[in-house]
Amino acid sequence: MQNKLATFLILLVSFAAIFSSGTYYVLSPRASQQFMAMGVYSRGGFLGYLSPATNSTVTTGRPVNWTISVTNNMGSAEFVMIIVRIANSTLSSSNSTTPSTFPRIVTPERFIGDEDTWSINFTWTLQSATPQQGGTLLNLQVEGEPVVIAGDNFRWIFELWTYDVVCRCFHYGYGPQSASTGVWLQVWFNPSS
């Protein structure tokens, strides 16, 4: 009788441990890290450039069609603004804590749900590239608007900004404004006539 009771208690404790371990595993929240991500792709799916993926030369009069992709994995919906800037090599670019100081060209805004991705069409055309002393004068058509920039070593800068309900303003990057993580991309290009 004692052997049966001991066997029963051992089996009961073993099954209880297995069941509670399984229950804990199923009901425990999964480890995850909140983040937002951004990418710039050509219509052919290449990262940033035209076809082929390593060609950064832009020909006058030929539209360049890109898709800016923004992914939200913050655990809640986020109000997002993408600031698009055109720059030359004279000033520094964005970094993980500070946005660029080049002028804003386009600033689309949108709410993005958690675990959702927003795709933004971005079209621009090099209208003319005029050599001048100290660089090149570019005339561009960006989303239907004229843009002029002079210099050399040109690049597009894409910055992610999110809305902060405390200050009721957009701030560079994502997360709390006091500990924000900057998200930016730059795509260099060479103008060609």
N, C-alpha and C. Protein backbone atom coordinates (compact mmCIF):
# COMPACT_ATOMS: atom_id res chain seq x y z
N MET A 1 0.82 -1.19 0.00
CA MET A 1 0.00 0.00 0.00
C MET A 1 0.87 1.26 0.00
N GLN A 2 1.97 1.21 0.79
CA GLN A 2 2.85 2.38 0.84
C GLN A 2 3.55 2.60 -0.50
N ASN A 3 3.90 1.53 -1.20
CA ASN A 3 4.54 1.66 -2.50
C ASN A 3 3.60 2.30 -3.52
N LYS A 4 2.31 1.91 -3.46
CA LYS A 4 1.32 2.50 -4.37
C LYS A 4 1.12 3.97 -4.07
N LEU A 5 1.06 4.33 -2.78
CA LEU A 5 0.89 5.72 -2.38
C LEU A 5 2.12 6.55 -2.80
N ALA A 6 3.31 6.01 -2.60
CA ALA A 6 4.53 6.72 -2.99
C ALA A 6 4.59 6.90 -4.51
N THR A 7 4.23 5.88 -5.26
CA THR A 7 4.21 5.96 -6.72
C THR A 7 3.20 7.00 -7.18
N PHE A 8 2.01 6.99 -6.55
CA PHE A 8 0.97 7.95 -6.90
C PHE A 8 1.45 9.37 -6.65
N LEU A 9 2.08 9.62 -5.48
CA LEU A 9 2.54 10.97 -5.14
C LEU A 9 3.66 11.42 -6.09
N ILE A 10 4.56 10.51 -6.45
CA ILE A 10 5.64 10.85 -7.39
C ILE A 10 5.05 11.23 -8.76
N LEU A 11 4.10 10.42 -9.23
CA LEU A 11 3.46 10.73 -10.52
C LEU A 11 2.68 12.03 -10.46
N LEU A 12 1.95 12.26 -9.35
CA LEU A 12 1.16 13.49 -9.19
C LEU A 12 2.07 14.72 -9.22
N VAL A 13 3.16 14.68 -8.47
CA VAL A 13 4.09 15.81 -8.43
C VAL A 13 4.75 16.01 -9.79
N SER A 14 5.13 14.92 -10.47
CA SER A 14 5.76 15.01 -11.79
C SER A 14 4.82 15.63 -12.80
N PHE A 15 3.57 15.15 -12.86
CA PHE A 15 2.60 15.70 -13.81
C PHE A 15 2.26 17.15 -13.47
N ALA A 16 2.17 17.49 -12.19
CA ALA A 16 1.90 18.87 -11.79
C ALA A 16 3.04 19.79 -12.24
N ALA A 17 4.28 19.33 -12.08
CA ALA A 17 5.43 20.14 -12.51
C ALA A 17 5.44 20.33 -14.02
N ILE A 18 5.16 19.26 -14.77
CA ILE A 18 5.12 19.35 -16.23
C ILE A 18 4.01 20.28 -16.67
N PHE A 19 2.83 20.13 -16.10
CA PHE A 19 1.68 20.96 -16.46
C PHE A 19 1.94 22.44 -16.14
N SER A 20 2.47 22.71 -14.94
CA SER A 20 2.71 24.11 -14.58
C SER A 20 3.83 24.72 -15.43
N SER A 21 4.84 23.93 -15.79
CA SER A 21 5.89 24.45 -16.68
C SER A 21 5.33 24.77 -18.05
N GLY A 22 4.51 23.88 -18.59
CA GLY A 22 3.87 24.11 -19.88
C GLY A 22 2.97 25.33 -19.85
N THR A 23 2.19 25.47 -18.79
CA THR A 23 1.29 26.62 -18.64
C THR A 23 2.09 27.92 -18.57
N TYR A 24 3.17 27.92 -17.80
CA TYR A 24 4.02 29.11 -17.69
C TYR A 24 4.59 29.50 -19.05
N TYR A 25 5.05 28.52 -19.80
CA TYR A 25 5.63 28.78 -21.13
C TYR A 25 4.59 29.38 -22.06
N VAL A 26 3.38 28.82 -22.07
CA VAL A 26 2.33 29.28 -22.98
C VAL A 26 1.84 30.67 -22.61
N LEU A 27 1.70 30.97 -21.33
CA LEU A 27 1.13 32.24 -20.89
C LEU A 27 2.14 33.37 -20.70
N SER A 28 3.42 33.08 -20.71
CA SER A 28 4.44 34.12 -20.52
C SER A 28 4.56 34.98 -21.78
N PRO A 29 4.67 36.30 -21.60
CA PRO A 29 4.86 37.16 -22.77
C PRO A 29 6.22 36.90 -23.42
N ARG A 30 6.24 37.00 -24.73
CA ARG A 30 7.48 36.78 -25.47
C ARG A 30 8.39 37.99 -25.32
N ALA A 31 9.66 37.74 -25.25
CA ALA A 31 10.63 38.83 -25.17
C ALA A 31 10.64 39.55 -26.52
N SER A 32 10.58 40.86 -26.47
CA SER A 32 10.62 41.63 -27.71
C SER A 32 11.23 43.00 -27.43
N GLN A 33 11.75 43.60 -28.47
CA GLN A 33 12.33 44.92 -28.36
C GLN A 33 11.55 45.85 -29.27
N GLN A 34 11.15 46.99 -28.74
CA GLN A 34 10.43 47.96 -29.53
C GLN A 34 11.39 48.64 -30.50
N PHE A 35 10.93 48.84 -31.74
CA PHE A 35 11.77 49.51 -32.72
C PHE A 35 10.91 50.04 -33.85
N MET A 36 11.51 50.97 -34.60
CA MET A 36 10.96 51.44 -35.85
C MET A 36 12.09 51.35 -36.87
N ALA A 37 11.74 51.00 -38.10
CA ALA A 37 12.76 50.82 -39.13
C ALA A 37 12.33 51.53 -40.41
N MET A 38 13.30 51.87 -41.23
CA MET A 38 13.01 52.57 -42.48
C MET A 38 13.96 52.07 -43.56
N GLY A 39 13.46 52.00 -44.80
CA GLY A 39 14.28 51.62 -45.94
C GLY A 39 13.87 52.40 -47.16
N VAL A 40 14.78 52.55 -48.10
CA VAL A 40 14.51 53.24 -49.37
C VAL A 40 14.84 52.26 -50.48
N TYR A 41 13.85 51.98 -51.32
CA TYR A 41 13.99 50.97 -52.36
C TYR A 41 13.61 51.54 -53.73
N SER A 42 14.30 51.07 -54.76
CA SER A 42 13.90 51.42 -56.13
C SER A 42 12.69 50.56 -56.48
N ARG A 43 12.03 50.91 -57.57
CA ARG A 43 10.86 50.13 -57.99
C ARG A 43 11.24 48.68 -58.31
N GLY A 44 12.51 48.46 -58.64
CA GLY A 44 12.98 47.11 -58.92
C GLY A 44 13.32 46.33 -57.66
N GLY A 45 13.17 46.95 -56.49
CA GLY A 45 13.43 46.27 -55.24
C GLY A 45 14.85 46.42 -54.72
N PHE A 46 15.67 47.22 -55.43
CA PHE A 46 17.04 47.43 -54.98
C PHE A 46 17.06 48.48 -53.89
N LEU A 47 17.97 48.35 -52.97
CA LEU A 47 18.08 49.29 -51.87
C LEU A 47 18.68 50.60 -52.37
N GLY A 48 17.85 51.63 -52.45
CA GLY A 48 18.32 52.96 -52.76
C GLY A 48 18.51 53.34 -54.20
N TYR A 49 19.28 52.60 -54.96
CA TYR A 49 19.69 53.07 -56.27
C TYR A 49 18.76 52.64 -57.38
N LEU A 50 19.23 52.88 -58.57
CA LEU A 50 18.51 52.48 -59.77
C LEU A 50 18.90 51.04 -60.09
N SER A 51 18.70 50.65 -61.31
CA SER A 51 19.09 49.31 -61.72
C SER A 51 20.35 49.42 -62.55
N PRO A 52 21.43 48.77 -62.32
CA PRO A 52 21.68 47.81 -61.24
C PRO A 52 21.84 48.51 -59.89
N ALA A 53 21.83 47.74 -58.83
CA ALA A 53 21.79 48.27 -57.47
C ALA A 53 22.99 49.13 -57.11
N THR A 54 24.11 48.98 -57.79
CA THR A 54 25.31 49.76 -57.46
C THR A 54 25.43 51.04 -58.28
N ASN A 55 24.50 51.30 -59.18
CA ASN A 55 24.59 52.46 -60.05
C ASN A 55 23.94 53.66 -59.37
N SER A 56 24.75 54.67 -59.03
CA SER A 56 24.22 55.86 -58.37
C SER A 56 24.16 57.05 -59.31
N THR A 57 24.39 56.85 -60.60
CA THR A 57 24.35 57.93 -61.58
C THR A 57 22.91 58.17 -62.02
N VAL A 58 22.51 59.44 -61.97
CA VAL A 58 21.16 59.84 -62.36
C VAL A 58 21.24 60.65 -63.64
N THR A 59 20.47 60.27 -64.63
CA THR A 59 20.48 60.91 -65.94
C THR A 59 19.42 62.00 -66.00
N THR A 60 19.76 63.12 -66.63
CA THR A 60 18.84 64.24 -66.79
C THR A 60 17.58 63.80 -67.52
N GLY A 61 16.43 64.25 -67.00
CA GLY A 61 15.14 64.00 -67.64
C GLY A 61 14.52 62.64 -67.37
N ARG A 62 15.22 61.77 -66.68
CA ARG A 62 14.70 60.42 -66.41
C ARG A 62 14.18 60.34 -64.97
N PRO A 63 12.87 60.14 -64.77
CA PRO A 63 12.33 60.08 -63.40
C PRO A 63 12.92 58.93 -62.59
N VAL A 64 13.17 59.20 -61.33
CA VAL A 64 13.64 58.18 -60.39
C VAL A 64 12.49 57.90 -59.43
N ASN A 65 12.06 56.65 -59.38
CA ASN A 65 10.93 56.26 -58.53
C ASN A 65 11.43 55.37 -57.41
N TRP A 66 11.25 55.84 -56.18
CA TRP A 66 11.65 55.08 -55.01
C TRP A 66 10.44 54.83 -54.12
N THR A 67 10.56 53.86 -53.24
CA THR A 67 9.57 53.60 -52.21
C THR A 67 10.28 53.72 -50.87
N ILE A 68 9.74 54.57 -50.01
CA ILE A 68 10.24 54.69 -48.64
C ILE A 68 9.34 53.80 -47.80
N SER A 69 9.94 52.88 -47.09
CA SER A 69 9.19 51.92 -46.28
C SER A 69 9.48 52.17 -44.81
N VAL A 70 8.41 52.33 -43.99
CA VAL A 70 8.56 52.57 -42.56
C VAL A 70 7.80 51.49 -41.80
N THR A 71 8.47 50.80 -40.88
CA THR A 71 7.87 49.73 -40.10
C THR A 71 7.78 50.14 -38.64
N ASN A 72 6.62 49.89 -38.03
CA ASN A 72 6.39 50.21 -36.62
C ASN A 72 6.26 48.92 -35.82
N ASN A 73 7.13 48.74 -34.84
CA ASN A 73 7.04 47.62 -33.91
C ASN A 73 7.22 48.16 -32.49
N MET A 74 6.44 49.21 -32.17
CA MET A 74 6.57 49.89 -30.88
C MET A 74 5.56 49.41 -29.83
N GLY A 75 4.64 48.54 -30.23
CA GLY A 75 3.64 48.07 -29.27
C GLY A 75 2.36 48.88 -29.30
N SER A 76 2.33 49.95 -30.08
CA SER A 76 1.13 50.78 -30.25
C SER A 76 1.26 51.56 -31.55
N ALA A 77 0.15 52.16 -31.98
CA ALA A 77 0.18 52.99 -33.19
C ALA A 77 1.08 54.21 -32.95
N GLU A 78 1.74 54.66 -34.00
CA GLU A 78 2.63 55.83 -33.92
C GLU A 78 2.25 56.81 -35.03
N PHE A 79 2.27 58.11 -34.71
CA PHE A 79 2.09 59.15 -35.70
C PHE A 79 3.48 59.54 -36.20
N VAL A 80 3.73 59.32 -37.48
CA VAL A 80 5.07 59.40 -38.05
C VAL A 80 5.14 60.47 -39.13
N MET A 81 6.28 61.15 -39.18
CA MET A 81 6.57 62.07 -40.27
C MET A 81 7.94 61.70 -40.82
N ILE A 82 8.04 61.65 -42.14
CA ILE A 82 9.32 61.43 -42.80
C ILE A 82 9.76 62.77 -43.38
N ILE A 83 10.93 63.23 -42.98
CA ILE A 83 11.48 64.46 -43.54
C ILE A 83 12.51 64.07 -44.59
N VAL A 84 12.29 64.54 -45.81
CA VAL A 84 13.20 64.27 -46.92
C VAL A 84 13.97 65.55 -47.20
N ARG A 85 15.29 65.43 -47.24
CA ARG A 85 16.16 66.58 -47.50
C ARG A 85 17.11 66.22 -48.64
N ILE A 86 17.51 67.24 -49.39
CA ILE A 86 18.59 67.03 -50.36
C ILE A 86 19.79 67.80 -49.83
N ALA A 87 20.96 67.21 -49.99
CA ALA A 87 22.15 67.79 -49.39
C ALA A 87 23.34 67.64 -50.32
N ASN A 88 24.36 68.42 -50.01
CA ASN A 88 25.64 68.26 -50.68
C ASN A 88 26.67 67.91 -49.61
N SER A 89 27.92 67.98 -49.92
CA SER A 89 28.94 67.54 -48.96
C SER A 89 29.40 68.64 -48.00
N THR A 90 28.78 69.82 -48.05
CA THR A 90 29.28 70.94 -47.24
C THR A 90 28.90 70.84 -45.77
N LEU A 91 27.78 70.25 -45.45
CA LEU A 91 27.34 70.15 -44.05
C LEU A 91 27.25 68.68 -43.65
N SER A 92 27.28 68.45 -42.35
CA SER A 92 27.20 67.07 -41.86
C SER A 92 25.77 66.54 -42.02
N SER A 93 25.69 65.23 -42.05
CA SER A 93 24.42 64.55 -42.20
C SER A 93 23.78 64.33 -40.84
N SER A 94 22.64 63.66 -40.84
CA SER A 94 22.00 63.26 -39.60
C SER A 94 22.88 62.22 -38.91
N ASN A 95 22.61 61.99 -37.63
CA ASN A 95 23.22 60.87 -36.92
C ASN A 95 22.18 60.31 -35.95
N SER A 96 22.57 59.46 -35.04
CA SER A 96 21.58 58.81 -34.18
C SER A 96 20.97 59.74 -33.13
N THR A 97 21.53 60.93 -32.96
CA THR A 97 20.97 61.86 -31.97
C THR A 97 20.56 63.22 -32.54
N THR A 98 21.07 63.59 -33.71
CA THR A 98 20.84 64.93 -34.25
C THR A 98 20.40 64.86 -35.71
N PRO A 99 19.30 65.56 -36.05
CA PRO A 99 18.88 65.59 -37.45
C PRO A 99 19.77 66.51 -38.27
N SER A 100 19.66 66.41 -39.58
CA SER A 100 20.41 67.26 -40.50
C SER A 100 19.85 68.67 -40.45
N THR A 101 20.65 69.63 -40.89
CA THR A 101 20.20 71.03 -40.92
C THR A 101 19.86 71.48 -42.34
N PHE A 102 19.96 70.58 -43.32
CA PHE A 102 19.58 70.94 -44.68
C PHE A 102 18.08 71.20 -44.75
N PRO A 103 17.62 72.03 -45.69
CA PRO A 103 16.19 72.35 -45.77
C PRO A 103 15.33 71.12 -46.08
N ARG A 104 14.12 71.16 -45.55
CA ARG A 104 13.14 70.10 -45.82
C ARG A 104 12.60 70.25 -47.24
N ILE A 105 12.48 69.12 -47.92
CA ILE A 105 11.92 69.14 -49.28
C ILE A 105 10.49 68.61 -49.25
N VAL A 106 10.29 67.47 -48.61
CA VAL A 106 8.98 66.82 -48.52
C VAL A 106 8.82 66.30 -47.09
N THR A 107 7.58 66.34 -46.55
CA THR A 107 7.35 65.85 -45.19
C THR A 107 6.02 65.09 -45.09
N PRO A 108 5.91 63.90 -45.64
CA PRO A 108 4.66 63.15 -45.50
C PRO A 108 4.46 62.68 -44.05
N GLU A 109 3.19 62.64 -43.60
CA GLU A 109 2.83 62.22 -42.25
C GLU A 109 1.75 61.14 -42.32
N ARG A 110 1.74 60.26 -41.29
CA ARG A 110 0.71 59.22 -41.25
C ARG A 110 0.77 58.46 -39.93
N PHE A 111 -0.40 57.95 -39.51
CA PHE A 111 -0.45 57.01 -38.40
C PHE A 111 -0.08 55.63 -38.93
N ILE A 112 0.78 54.92 -38.21
CA ILE A 112 1.14 53.55 -38.58
C ILE A 112 0.77 52.65 -37.40
N GLY A 113 -0.05 51.65 -37.64
CA GLY A 113 -0.43 50.71 -36.60
C GLY A 113 0.74 49.86 -36.14
N ASP A 114 0.60 49.27 -34.96
CA ASP A 114 1.65 48.39 -34.45
C ASP A 114 1.82 47.19 -35.38
N GLU A 115 3.06 46.82 -35.61
CA GLU A 115 3.43 45.72 -36.51
C GLU A 115 2.92 45.95 -37.94
N ASP A 116 2.88 47.23 -38.34
CA ASP A 116 2.41 47.58 -39.68
C ASP A 116 3.54 48.32 -40.42
N THR A 117 3.43 48.36 -41.74
CA THR A 117 4.43 49.03 -42.57
C THR A 117 3.73 50.03 -43.49
N TRP A 118 4.31 51.20 -43.61
CA TRP A 118 3.79 52.26 -44.49
C TRP A 118 4.76 52.39 -45.65
N SER A 119 4.26 52.32 -46.86
CA SER A 119 5.07 52.50 -48.06
C SER A 119 4.71 53.82 -48.71
N ILE A 120 5.71 54.66 -48.95
CA ILE A 120 5.53 56.00 -49.50
C ILE A 120 6.22 56.05 -50.85
N ASN A 121 5.48 56.44 -51.87
CA ASN A 121 6.09 56.64 -53.19
C ASN A 121 6.83 57.96 -53.20
N PHE A 122 8.04 57.96 -53.73
CA PHE A 122 8.86 59.17 -53.80
C PHE A 122 9.47 59.24 -55.19
N THR A 123 9.07 60.27 -55.96
CA THR A 123 9.52 60.42 -57.34
C THR A 123 10.26 61.74 -57.50
N TRP A 124 11.39 61.67 -58.16
CA TRP A 124 12.15 62.89 -58.44
C TRP A 124 12.85 62.75 -59.78
N THR A 125 13.11 63.92 -60.39
CA THR A 125 13.74 63.96 -61.70
C THR A 125 14.82 65.03 -61.70
N LEU A 126 15.99 64.69 -62.21
CA LEU A 126 17.05 65.67 -62.43
C LEU A 126 16.72 66.40 -63.73
N GLN A 127 16.33 67.69 -63.64
CA GLN A 127 15.97 68.47 -64.82
C GLN A 127 17.22 68.95 -65.56
N SER A 128 18.22 69.42 -64.79
CA SER A 128 19.47 69.86 -65.41
C SER A 128 20.59 69.84 -64.38
N ALA A 129 21.81 69.67 -64.88
CA ALA A 129 23.01 69.72 -64.05
C ALA A 129 24.00 70.63 -64.77
N THR A 130 24.20 71.83 -64.21
CA THR A 130 25.04 72.84 -64.85
C THR A 130 26.35 73.00 -64.07
N PRO A 131 27.48 72.67 -64.72
CA PRO A 131 28.77 72.86 -64.04
C PRO A 131 29.00 74.35 -63.77
N GLN A 132 29.53 74.65 -62.61
CA GLN A 132 29.88 76.02 -62.25
C GLN A 132 31.09 75.96 -61.34
N GLN A 133 31.69 77.13 -61.10
CA GLN A 133 32.87 77.14 -60.26
C GLN A 133 32.52 76.65 -58.87
N GLY A 134 33.26 75.66 -58.39
CA GLY A 134 33.02 75.13 -57.05
C GLY A 134 32.00 74.01 -57.00
N GLY A 135 31.56 73.51 -58.14
CA GLY A 135 30.61 72.40 -58.10
C GLY A 135 29.64 72.39 -59.25
N THR A 136 28.42 71.97 -58.97
CA THR A 136 27.38 71.82 -59.98
C THR A 136 26.09 72.41 -59.45
N LEU A 137 25.33 73.06 -60.33
CA LEU A 137 24.01 73.57 -59.99
C LEU A 137 22.98 72.56 -60.49
N LEU A 138 22.19 72.00 -59.57
CA LEU A 138 21.16 71.03 -59.93
C LEU A 138 19.78 71.67 -59.90
N ASN A 139 19.00 71.42 -60.94
CA ASN A 139 17.59 71.76 -60.97
C ASN A 139 16.83 70.44 -60.96
N LEU A 140 16.02 70.24 -59.92
CA LEU A 140 15.29 68.99 -59.73
C LEU A 140 13.79 69.24 -59.72
N GLN A 141 13.06 68.22 -60.02
CA GLN A 141 11.61 68.20 -59.85
C GLN A 141 11.36 67.11 -58.81
N VAL A 142 10.86 67.48 -57.63
CA VAL A 142 10.65 66.53 -56.53
C VAL A 142 9.17 66.53 -56.16
N GLU A 143 8.53 65.40 -56.41
CA GLU A 143 7.10 65.29 -56.13
C GLU A 143 6.33 66.45 -56.75
N GLY A 144 6.73 66.84 -57.96
CA GLY A 144 6.03 67.89 -58.70
C GLY A 144 6.48 69.30 -58.37
N GLU A 145 7.40 69.48 -57.44
CA GLU A 145 7.86 70.81 -57.04
C GLU A 145 9.30 71.04 -57.47
N PRO A 146 9.65 72.27 -57.94
CA PRO A 146 11.03 72.55 -58.32
C PRO A 146 11.94 72.71 -57.10
N VAL A 147 13.15 72.18 -57.21
CA VAL A 147 14.16 72.29 -56.15
C VAL A 147 15.49 72.60 -56.81
N VAL A 148 16.24 73.56 -56.25
CA VAL A 148 17.55 73.93 -56.77
C VAL A 148 18.57 73.79 -55.65
N ILE A 149 19.71 73.17 -55.98
CA ILE A 149 20.80 73.04 -55.01
C ILE A 149 22.13 73.09 -55.76
N ALA A 150 23.11 73.72 -55.13
CA ALA A 150 24.44 73.81 -55.74
C ALA A 150 25.44 73.12 -54.83
N GLY A 151 26.55 72.69 -55.41
CA GLY A 151 27.61 72.05 -54.62
C GLY A 151 28.18 70.87 -55.36
N ASP A 152 28.62 69.89 -54.59
CA ASP A 152 29.10 68.64 -55.18
C ASP A 152 28.80 67.50 -54.20
N ASN A 153 28.94 66.27 -54.67
CA ASN A 153 28.65 65.09 -53.85
C ASN A 153 27.25 65.17 -53.24
N PHE A 154 26.25 64.94 -54.07
CA PHE A 154 24.86 65.12 -53.65
C PHE A 154 24.29 63.85 -53.02
N ARG A 155 23.33 64.05 -52.13
CA ARG A 155 22.69 62.93 -51.44
C ARG A 155 21.29 63.31 -50.99
N TRP A 156 20.45 62.30 -50.91
CA TRP A 156 19.13 62.44 -50.30
C TRP A 156 19.25 61.97 -48.86
N ILE A 157 18.61 62.68 -47.95
CA ILE A 157 18.58 62.29 -46.54
C ILE A 157 17.12 62.07 -46.16
N PHE A 158 16.84 60.93 -45.55
CA PHE A 158 15.50 60.56 -45.10
C PHE A 158 15.55 60.39 -43.59
N GLU A 159 14.71 61.15 -42.86
CA GLU A 159 14.70 61.10 -41.40
C GLU A 159 13.32 60.70 -40.90
N LEU A 160 13.30 59.87 -39.87
CA LEU A 160 12.07 59.46 -39.22
C LEU A 160 11.82 60.34 -38.00
N TRP A 161 10.65 60.96 -37.95
CA TRP A 161 10.23 61.77 -36.81
C TRP A 161 8.92 61.19 -36.28
N THR A 162 8.73 61.18 -34.97
CA THR A 162 7.49 60.68 -34.37
C THR A 162 6.87 61.76 -33.49
N TYR A 163 5.56 61.65 -33.32
CA TYR A 163 4.82 62.64 -32.55
C TYR A 163 4.90 62.32 -31.07
N ASP A 164 5.17 63.33 -30.26
CA ASP A 164 5.23 63.19 -28.80
C ASP A 164 4.00 63.89 -28.21
N VAL A 165 3.13 63.13 -27.55
CA VAL A 165 1.90 63.71 -27.01
C VAL A 165 2.17 64.65 -25.84
N VAL A 166 3.31 64.49 -25.17
CA VAL A 166 3.63 65.36 -24.04
C VAL A 166 3.92 66.78 -24.52
N CYS A 167 4.79 66.93 -25.51
CA CYS A 167 5.13 68.27 -26.00
C CYS A 167 4.23 68.71 -27.16
N ARG A 168 3.38 67.78 -27.63
CA ARG A 168 2.48 68.05 -28.77
C ARG A 168 3.27 68.52 -29.99
N CYS A 169 4.34 67.78 -30.28
CA CYS A 169 5.19 68.13 -31.40
C CYS A 169 5.87 66.86 -31.93
N PHE A 170 6.40 66.96 -33.14
CA PHE A 170 7.20 65.88 -33.68
C PHE A 170 8.63 66.03 -33.15
N HIS A 171 9.27 64.91 -32.89
CA HIS A 171 10.68 64.93 -32.51
C HIS A 171 11.42 63.89 -33.34
N TYR A 172 12.70 64.15 -33.51
CA TYR A 172 13.56 63.30 -34.34
C TYR A 172 13.71 61.92 -33.71
N GLY A 173 13.46 60.88 -34.49
CA GLY A 173 13.61 59.51 -34.03
C GLY A 173 12.34 58.96 -33.42
N TYR A 174 12.48 57.92 -32.61
CA TYR A 174 11.34 57.30 -31.94
C TYR A 174 11.70 57.04 -30.48
N GLY A 175 10.67 56.78 -29.70
CA GLY A 175 10.86 56.60 -28.26
C GLY A 175 10.64 57.93 -27.56
N PRO A 176 10.80 57.93 -26.24
CA PRO A 176 10.61 59.19 -25.50
C PRO A 176 11.60 60.25 -25.98
N GLN A 177 11.14 61.49 -25.99
CA GLN A 177 11.98 62.57 -26.52
C GLN A 177 13.30 62.68 -25.77
N SER A 178 13.31 62.38 -24.49
CA SER A 178 14.53 62.50 -23.69
C SER A 178 15.54 61.38 -24.00
N ALA A 179 15.06 60.28 -24.59
CA ALA A 179 15.95 59.15 -24.91
C ALA A 179 15.65 58.62 -26.30
N SER A 180 15.44 59.52 -27.22
CA SER A 180 15.03 59.16 -28.58
C SER A 180 16.14 58.47 -29.36
N THR A 181 15.76 57.54 -30.22
CA THR A 181 16.69 56.86 -31.11
C THR A 181 16.47 57.38 -32.53
N GLY A 182 17.46 58.05 -33.08
CA GLY A 182 17.33 58.63 -34.41
C GLY A 182 17.41 57.55 -35.49
N VAL A 183 16.53 57.68 -36.49
CA VAL A 183 16.54 56.77 -37.63
C VAL A 183 16.66 57.62 -38.88
N TRP A 184 17.70 57.38 -39.68
CA TRP A 184 17.92 58.17 -40.89
C TRP A 184 18.65 57.32 -41.91
N LEU A 185 18.48 57.71 -43.15
CA LEU A 185 19.17 57.06 -44.27
C LEU A 185 19.67 58.15 -45.19
N GLN A 186 20.73 57.85 -45.91
CA GLN A 186 21.17 58.76 -46.96
C GLN A 186 21.51 57.94 -48.20
N VAL A 187 21.18 58.50 -49.35
CA VAL A 187 21.48 57.86 -50.62
C VAL A 187 22.22 58.88 -51.47
N TRP A 188 23.48 58.59 -51.76
CA TRP A 188 24.32 59.46 -52.57
C TRP A 188 24.00 59.24 -54.04
N PHE A 189 24.14 60.30 -54.85
CA PHE A 189 23.95 60.12 -56.30
C PHE A 189 24.87 61.06 -57.06
N ASN A 190 25.14 60.67 -58.30
CA ASN A 190 25.97 61.46 -59.21
C ASN A 190 25.11 61.99 -60.34
N PRO A 191 25.04 63.31 -60.51
CA PRO A 191 24.27 63.86 -61.62
C PRO A 191 25.01 63.66 -62.94
N SER A 192 24.25 63.34 -64.00
CA SER A 192 24.83 63.17 -65.33
C SER A 192 23.91 63.83 -66.33
N SER A 193 24.49 64.52 -67.31
CA SER A 193 23.68 65.23 -68.31
C SER A 193 23.13 64.29 -69.34
